[in-house]
Amino acid sequence: MSSASSQTPESSAASGSHAASVPDSPLDPAIAARLKRNADGLLPAIAQQHDTGEVLMLGWMDDEALHRTLTTGRCTYWSRSRGEYWVKGDTSGHVQHVKSVSLDCDGDTLLVRVDQVGAACHTGDRTCFDADRLPLVDQPRTEEASRP
């Protein structure tokens, strides 16, 4: 993998990172102005099954990926490891049909409600959160919590 793989095309350009402002964003200016991107110009995008609420995966989007997602009805992500855009399902057939996209109250996270076809995780699991559940630490019960 290249050492520049965590950079989006815009952040690796001569103009530098677009974390604060994206004058050449393909998005509606009102939407672009609300986004709070990280230093690489990316926002986390949580994919959630629209009818069950099941959290499927976390991907990353820059303005171009979000624009493609909003205009095609298919989830497009920025691959930090490959340094390129990818449309979920183009290779695997496990397509995400977009039902809605929401921006959180801070403007720094996207929620993409989808109709997932097949597995969401590249490992073949239904979700990226199926295989490695962490044990909860036993917590002392308070008197209030122990009441029926």
C-alpha atoms as a PDB file:
ATOM      1  CA  MET A   1       0.000   0.000   0.000  1.00  0.00           C
ATOM      2  CA  SER A   2       1.167   3.491  -0.772  1.00  0.00           C
ATOM      3  CA  SER A   3       2.051   5.890   2.000  1.00  0.00           C
ATOM      4  CA  ALA A   4      -0.368   8.405   0.481  1.00  0.00           C
ATOM      5  CA  SER A   5      -3.257   5.927   0.607  1.00  0.00           C
ATOM      6  CA  SER A   6      -5.036   7.835   3.384  1.00  0.00           C
ATOM      7  CA  GLN A   7      -5.312  10.952   1.259  1.00  0.00           C
ATOM      8  CA  THR A   8      -8.281  11.746  -0.899  1.00  0.00           C
ATOM      9  CA  PRO A   9      -7.629  13.067  -4.391  1.00  0.00           C
ATOM     10  CA  GLU A  10      -8.425  16.581  -3.212  1.00  0.00           C
ATOM     11  CA  SER A  11      -6.173  16.467  -0.139  1.00  0.00           C
ATOM     12  CA  SER A  12      -3.230  15.168  -2.123  1.00  0.00           C
ATOM     13  CA  ALA A  13      -3.562  17.920  -4.702  1.00  0.00           C
ATOM     14  CA  ALA A  14      -1.292  20.949  -4.676  1.00  0.00           C
ATOM     15  CA  SER A  15      -3.995  23.004  -2.969  1.00  0.00           C
ATOM     16  CA  GLY A  16      -3.682  20.874   0.188  1.00  0.00           C
ATOM     17  CA  SER A  17      -6.347  19.497   2.520  1.00  0.00           C
ATOM     18  CA  HIS A  18      -9.948  20.592   2.201  1.00  0.00           C
ATOM     19  CA  ALA A  19     -10.947  19.760   5.770  1.00  0.00           C
ATOM     20  CA  ALA A  20     -12.207  23.264   6.531  1.00  0.00           C
ATOM     21  CA  SER A  21     -13.441  24.490   3.158  1.00  0.00           C
ATOM     22  CA  VAL A  22     -14.116  22.863  -0.187  1.00  0.00           C
ATOM     23  CA  PRO A  23     -14.575  25.566  -2.798  1.00  0.00           C
ATOM     24  CA  ASP A  24     -14.625  23.013  -5.643  1.00  0.00           C
ATOM     25  CA  SER A  25     -17.054  20.618  -3.950  1.00  0.00           C
ATOM     26  CA  PRO A  26     -19.576  18.906  -6.250  1.00  0.00           C
ATOM     27  CA  LEU A  27     -22.158  19.175  -3.450  1.00  0.00           C
ATOM     28  CA  ASP A  28     -24.770  21.867  -3.030  1.00  0.00           C
ATOM     29  CA  PRO A  29     -22.879  24.717  -1.286  1.00  0.00           C
ATOM     30  CA  ALA A  30     -25.340  24.696   1.623  1.00  0.00           C
ATOM     31  CA  ILE A  31     -24.605  21.006   2.272  1.00  0.00           C
ATOM     32  CA  ALA A  32     -20.844  21.348   1.763  1.00  0.00           C
ATOM     33  CA  ALA A  33     -20.721  24.227   4.253  1.00  0.00           C
ATOM     34  CA  ARG A  34     -22.304  22.065   6.980  1.00  0.00           C
ATOM     35  CA  LEU A  35     -19.758  19.228   6.702  1.00  0.00           C
ATOM     36  CA  LYS A  36     -16.992  18.988   9.291  1.00  0.00           C
ATOM     37  CA  ARG A  37     -14.352  16.862   7.619  1.00  0.00           C
ATOM     38  CA  ASN A  38     -11.275  15.319   9.233  1.00  0.00           C
ATOM     39  CA  ALA A  39      -7.745  16.392   8.246  1.00  0.00           C
ATOM     40  CA  ASP A  40      -7.943  14.132   5.169  1.00  0.00           C
ATOM     41  CA  GLY A  41     -11.229  15.709   4.048  1.00  0.00           C
ATOM     42  CA  LEU A  42     -13.266  12.660   5.049  1.00  0.00           C
ATOM     43  CA  LEU A  43     -16.376  11.970   7.114  1.00  0.00           C
ATOM     44  CA  PRO A  44     -17.326   8.633   8.670  1.00  0.00           C
ATOM     45  CA  ALA A  45     -20.436   7.175   7.030  1.00  0.00           C
ATOM     46  CA  ILE A  46     -22.423   4.621   9.014  1.00  0.00           C
ATOM     47  CA  ALA A  47     -24.438   2.250   6.832  1.00  0.00           C
ATOM     48  CA  GLN A  48     -27.625   1.059   8.511  1.00  0.00           C
ATOM     49  CA  GLN A  49     -30.292  -1.349   7.228  1.00  0.00           C
ATOM     50  CA  HIS A  50     -33.287   0.926   6.620  1.00  0.00           C
ATOM     51  CA  ASP A  51     -36.060  -1.377   7.835  1.00  0.00           C
ATOM     52  CA  THR A  52     -34.443  -3.122  10.828  1.00  0.00           C
ATOM     53  CA  GLY A  53     -32.021  -0.489  12.141  1.00  0.00           C
ATOM     54  CA  GLU A  54     -29.168  -3.000  11.967  1.00  0.00           C
ATOM     55  CA  VAL A  55     -25.775  -1.249  11.828  1.00  0.00           C
ATOM     56  CA  LEU A  56     -23.976  -2.766   8.845  1.00  0.00           C
ATOM     57  CA  MET A  57     -20.609  -1.073   8.432  1.00  0.00           C
ATOM     58  CA  LEU A  58     -18.578   2.094   8.668  1.00  0.00           C
ATOM     59  CA  GLY A  59     -17.032   3.614   5.570  1.00  0.00           C
ATOM     60  CA  TRP A  60     -15.476   6.959   4.687  1.00  0.00           C
ATOM     61  CA  MET A  61     -16.771   9.600   2.289  1.00  0.00           C
ATOM     62  CA  ASP A  62     -15.379  12.828   0.952  1.00  0.00           C
ATOM     63  CA  ASP A  63     -17.513  15.363  -0.903  1.00  0.00           C
ATOM     64  CA  GLU A  64     -17.243  13.489  -4.207  1.00  0.00           C
ATOM     65  CA  ALA A  65     -18.225  10.138  -2.644  1.00  0.00           C
ATOM     66  CA  LEU A  66     -21.193  11.767  -0.901  1.00  0.00           C
ATOM     67  CA  HIS A  67     -22.213  13.468  -4.157  1.00  0.00           C
ATOM     68  CA  ARG A  68     -22.076  10.140  -6.017  1.00  0.00           C
ATOM     69  CA  THR A  69     -24.059   8.446  -3.237  1.00  0.00           C
ATOM     70  CA  LEU A  70     -26.765  11.135  -3.329  1.00  0.00           C
ATOM     71  CA  THR A  71     -27.033  11.183  -7.118  1.00  0.00           C
ATOM     72  CA  THR A  72     -26.748   7.469  -7.999  1.00  0.00           C
ATOM     73  CA  GLY A  73     -28.673   5.839  -5.154  1.00  0.00           C
ATOM     74  CA  ARG A  74     -25.706   3.508  -4.524  1.00  0.00           C
ATOM     75  CA  CYS A  75     -23.173   3.925  -1.708  1.00  0.00           C
ATOM     76  CA  THR A  76     -19.813   5.203  -2.880  1.00  0.00           C
ATOM     77  CA  TYR A  77     -16.969   5.272  -0.370  1.00  0.00           C
ATOM     78  CA  TRP A  78     -13.365   6.452  -0.332  1.00  0.00           C
ATOM     79  CA  SER A  79     -10.995   3.551   0.343  1.00  0.00           C
ATOM     80  CA  ARG A  80      -8.228   4.803   2.608  1.00  0.00           C
ATOM     81  CA  SER A  81      -6.191   1.637   2.015  1.00  0.00           C
ATOM     82  CA  ARG A  82      -6.504   1.585  -1.790  1.00  0.00           C
ATOM     83  CA  GLY A  83      -6.644   5.348  -2.277  1.00  0.00           C
ATOM     84  CA  GLU A  84      -9.650   5.208  -4.613  1.00  0.00           C
ATOM     85  CA  TYR A  85     -13.426   5.424  -4.736  1.00  0.00           C
ATOM     86  CA  TRP A  86     -15.440   2.242  -4.590  1.00  0.00           C
ATOM     87  CA  VAL A  87     -19.117   1.576  -5.083  1.00  0.00           C
ATOM     88  CA  LYS A  88     -20.336  -0.999  -2.590  1.00  0.00           C
ATOM     89  CA  GLY A  89     -21.268  -4.152  -4.466  1.00  0.00           C
ATOM     90  CA  ASP A  90     -19.580  -3.468  -7.807  1.00  0.00           C
ATOM     91  CA  THR A  91     -17.169  -6.343  -7.183  1.00  0.00           C
ATOM     92  CA  SER A  92     -19.005  -8.532  -4.659  1.00  0.00           C
ATOM     93  CA  GLY A  93     -22.586  -8.027  -5.807  1.00  0.00           C
ATOM     94  CA  HIS A  94     -23.456  -7.020  -2.231  1.00  0.00           C
ATOM     95  CA  VAL A  95     -25.079  -3.746  -3.207  1.00  0.00           C
ATOM     96  CA  GLN A  96     -26.285  -0.992  -0.888  1.00  0.00           C
ATOM     97  CA  HIS A  97     -29.367   0.746  -2.307  1.00  0.00           C
ATOM     98  CA  VAL A  98     -29.621   4.141  -0.614  1.00  0.00           C
ATOM     99  CA  LYS A  99     -32.946   4.970   1.066  1.00  0.00           C
ATOM    100  CA  SER A 100     -31.840   8.152   2.899  1.00  0.00           C
ATOM    101  CA  VAL A 101     -28.761  10.070   3.999  1.00  0.00           C
ATOM    102  CA  SER A 102     -28.642  12.135   7.197  1.00  0.00           C
ATOM    103  CA  LEU A 103     -26.009  14.394   8.677  1.00  0.00           C
ATOM    104  CA  ASP A 104     -25.601  14.276  12.454  1.00  0.00           C
ATOM    105  CA  CYS A 105     -26.108  17.305  14.691  1.00  0.00           C
ATOM    106  CA  ASP A 106     -22.384  18.175  14.687  1.00  0.00           C
ATOM    107  CA  GLY A 107     -22.001  17.824  10.919  1.00  0.00           C
ATOM    108  CA  ASP A 108     -19.170  15.322  11.293  1.00  0.00           C
ATOM    109  CA  THR A 109     -20.864  11.952  10.673  1.00  0.00           C
ATOM    110  CA  LEU A 110     -23.204  10.620   8.000  1.00  0.00           C
ATOM    111  CA  LEU A 111     -25.923   8.019   8.498  1.00  0.00           C
ATOM    112  CA  VAL A 112     -26.761   6.222   5.264  1.00  0.00           C
ATOM    113  CA  ARG A 113     -29.905   4.123   5.505  1.00  0.00           C
ATOM    114  CA  VAL A 114     -29.732   1.393   2.876  1.00  0.00           C
ATOM    115  CA  ASP A 115     -31.314  -1.767   1.595  1.00  0.00           C
ATOM    116  CA  GLN A 116     -28.364  -4.149   1.831  1.00  0.00           C
ATOM    117  CA  VAL A 117     -28.188  -6.998  -0.675  1.00  0.00           C
ATOM    118  CA  GLY A 118     -26.100  -9.847   0.771  1.00  0.00           C
ATOM    119  CA  ALA A 119     -23.252  -9.373   3.201  1.00  0.00           C
ATOM    120  CA  ALA A 120     -22.136  -5.848   4.119  1.00  0.00           C
ATOM    121  CA  CYS A 121     -18.716  -6.924   5.388  1.00  0.00           C
ATOM    122  CA  HIS A 122     -15.821  -7.840   3.096  1.00  0.00           C
ATOM    123  CA  THR A 123     -15.347 -10.986   5.240  1.00  0.00           C
ATOM    124  CA  GLY A 124     -18.742 -12.300   4.154  1.00  0.00           C
ATOM    125  CA  ASP A 125     -20.493 -11.562   7.458  1.00  0.00           C
ATOM    126  CA  ARG A 126     -23.855  -9.810   7.346  1.00  0.00           C
ATOM    127  CA  THR A 127     -22.358  -6.829   9.215  1.00  0.00           C
ATOM    128  CA  CYS A 128     -18.839  -5.691  10.004  1.00  0.00           C
ATOM    129  CA  PHE A 129     -19.730  -5.993  13.687  1.00  0.00           C
ATOM    130  CA  ASP A 130     -20.774  -9.676  13.787  1.00  0.00           C
ATOM    131  CA  ALA A 131     -17.480 -11.483  14.301  1.00  0.00           C
ATOM    132  CA  ASP A 132     -15.676  -9.780  17.161  1.00  0.00           C
ATOM    133  CA  ARG A 133     -17.952  -8.926  20.045  1.00  0.00           C
ATOM    134  CA  LEU A 134     -16.027  -7.702  23.053  1.00  0.00           C
ATOM    135  CA  PRO A 135     -16.868  -8.971  26.542  1.00  0.00           C
ATOM    136  CA  LEU A 136     -18.546  -6.509  28.871  1.00  0.00           C
ATOM    137  CA  VAL A 137     -16.851  -5.904  32.182  1.00  0.00           C
ATOM    138  CA  ASP A 138     -18.988  -6.899  35.156  1.00  0.00           C
ATOM    139  CA  GLN A 139     -20.261  -3.749  36.780  1.00  0.00           C
ATOM    140  CA  PRO A 140     -21.406  -3.596  40.395  1.00  0.00           C
ATOM    141  CA  ARG A 141     -25.158  -3.285  40.539  1.00  0.00           C
ATOM    142  CA  THR A 142     -26.579  -0.283  42.275  1.00  0.00           C
ATOM    143  CA  GLU A 143     -29.637  -0.582  44.484  1.00  0.00           C
ATOM    144  CA  GLU A 144     -31.646   1.424  41.946  1.00  0.00           C
ATOM    145  CA  ALA A 145     -30.576  -0.781  39.032  1.00  0.00           C
ATOM    146  CA  SER A 146     -31.502  -3.958  40.912  1.00  0.00           C
ATOM    147  CA  ARG A 147     -35.130  -2.897  41.436  1.00  0.00           C
ATOM    148  CA  PRO A 148     -37.698  -4.511  39.094  1.00  0.00           C
END
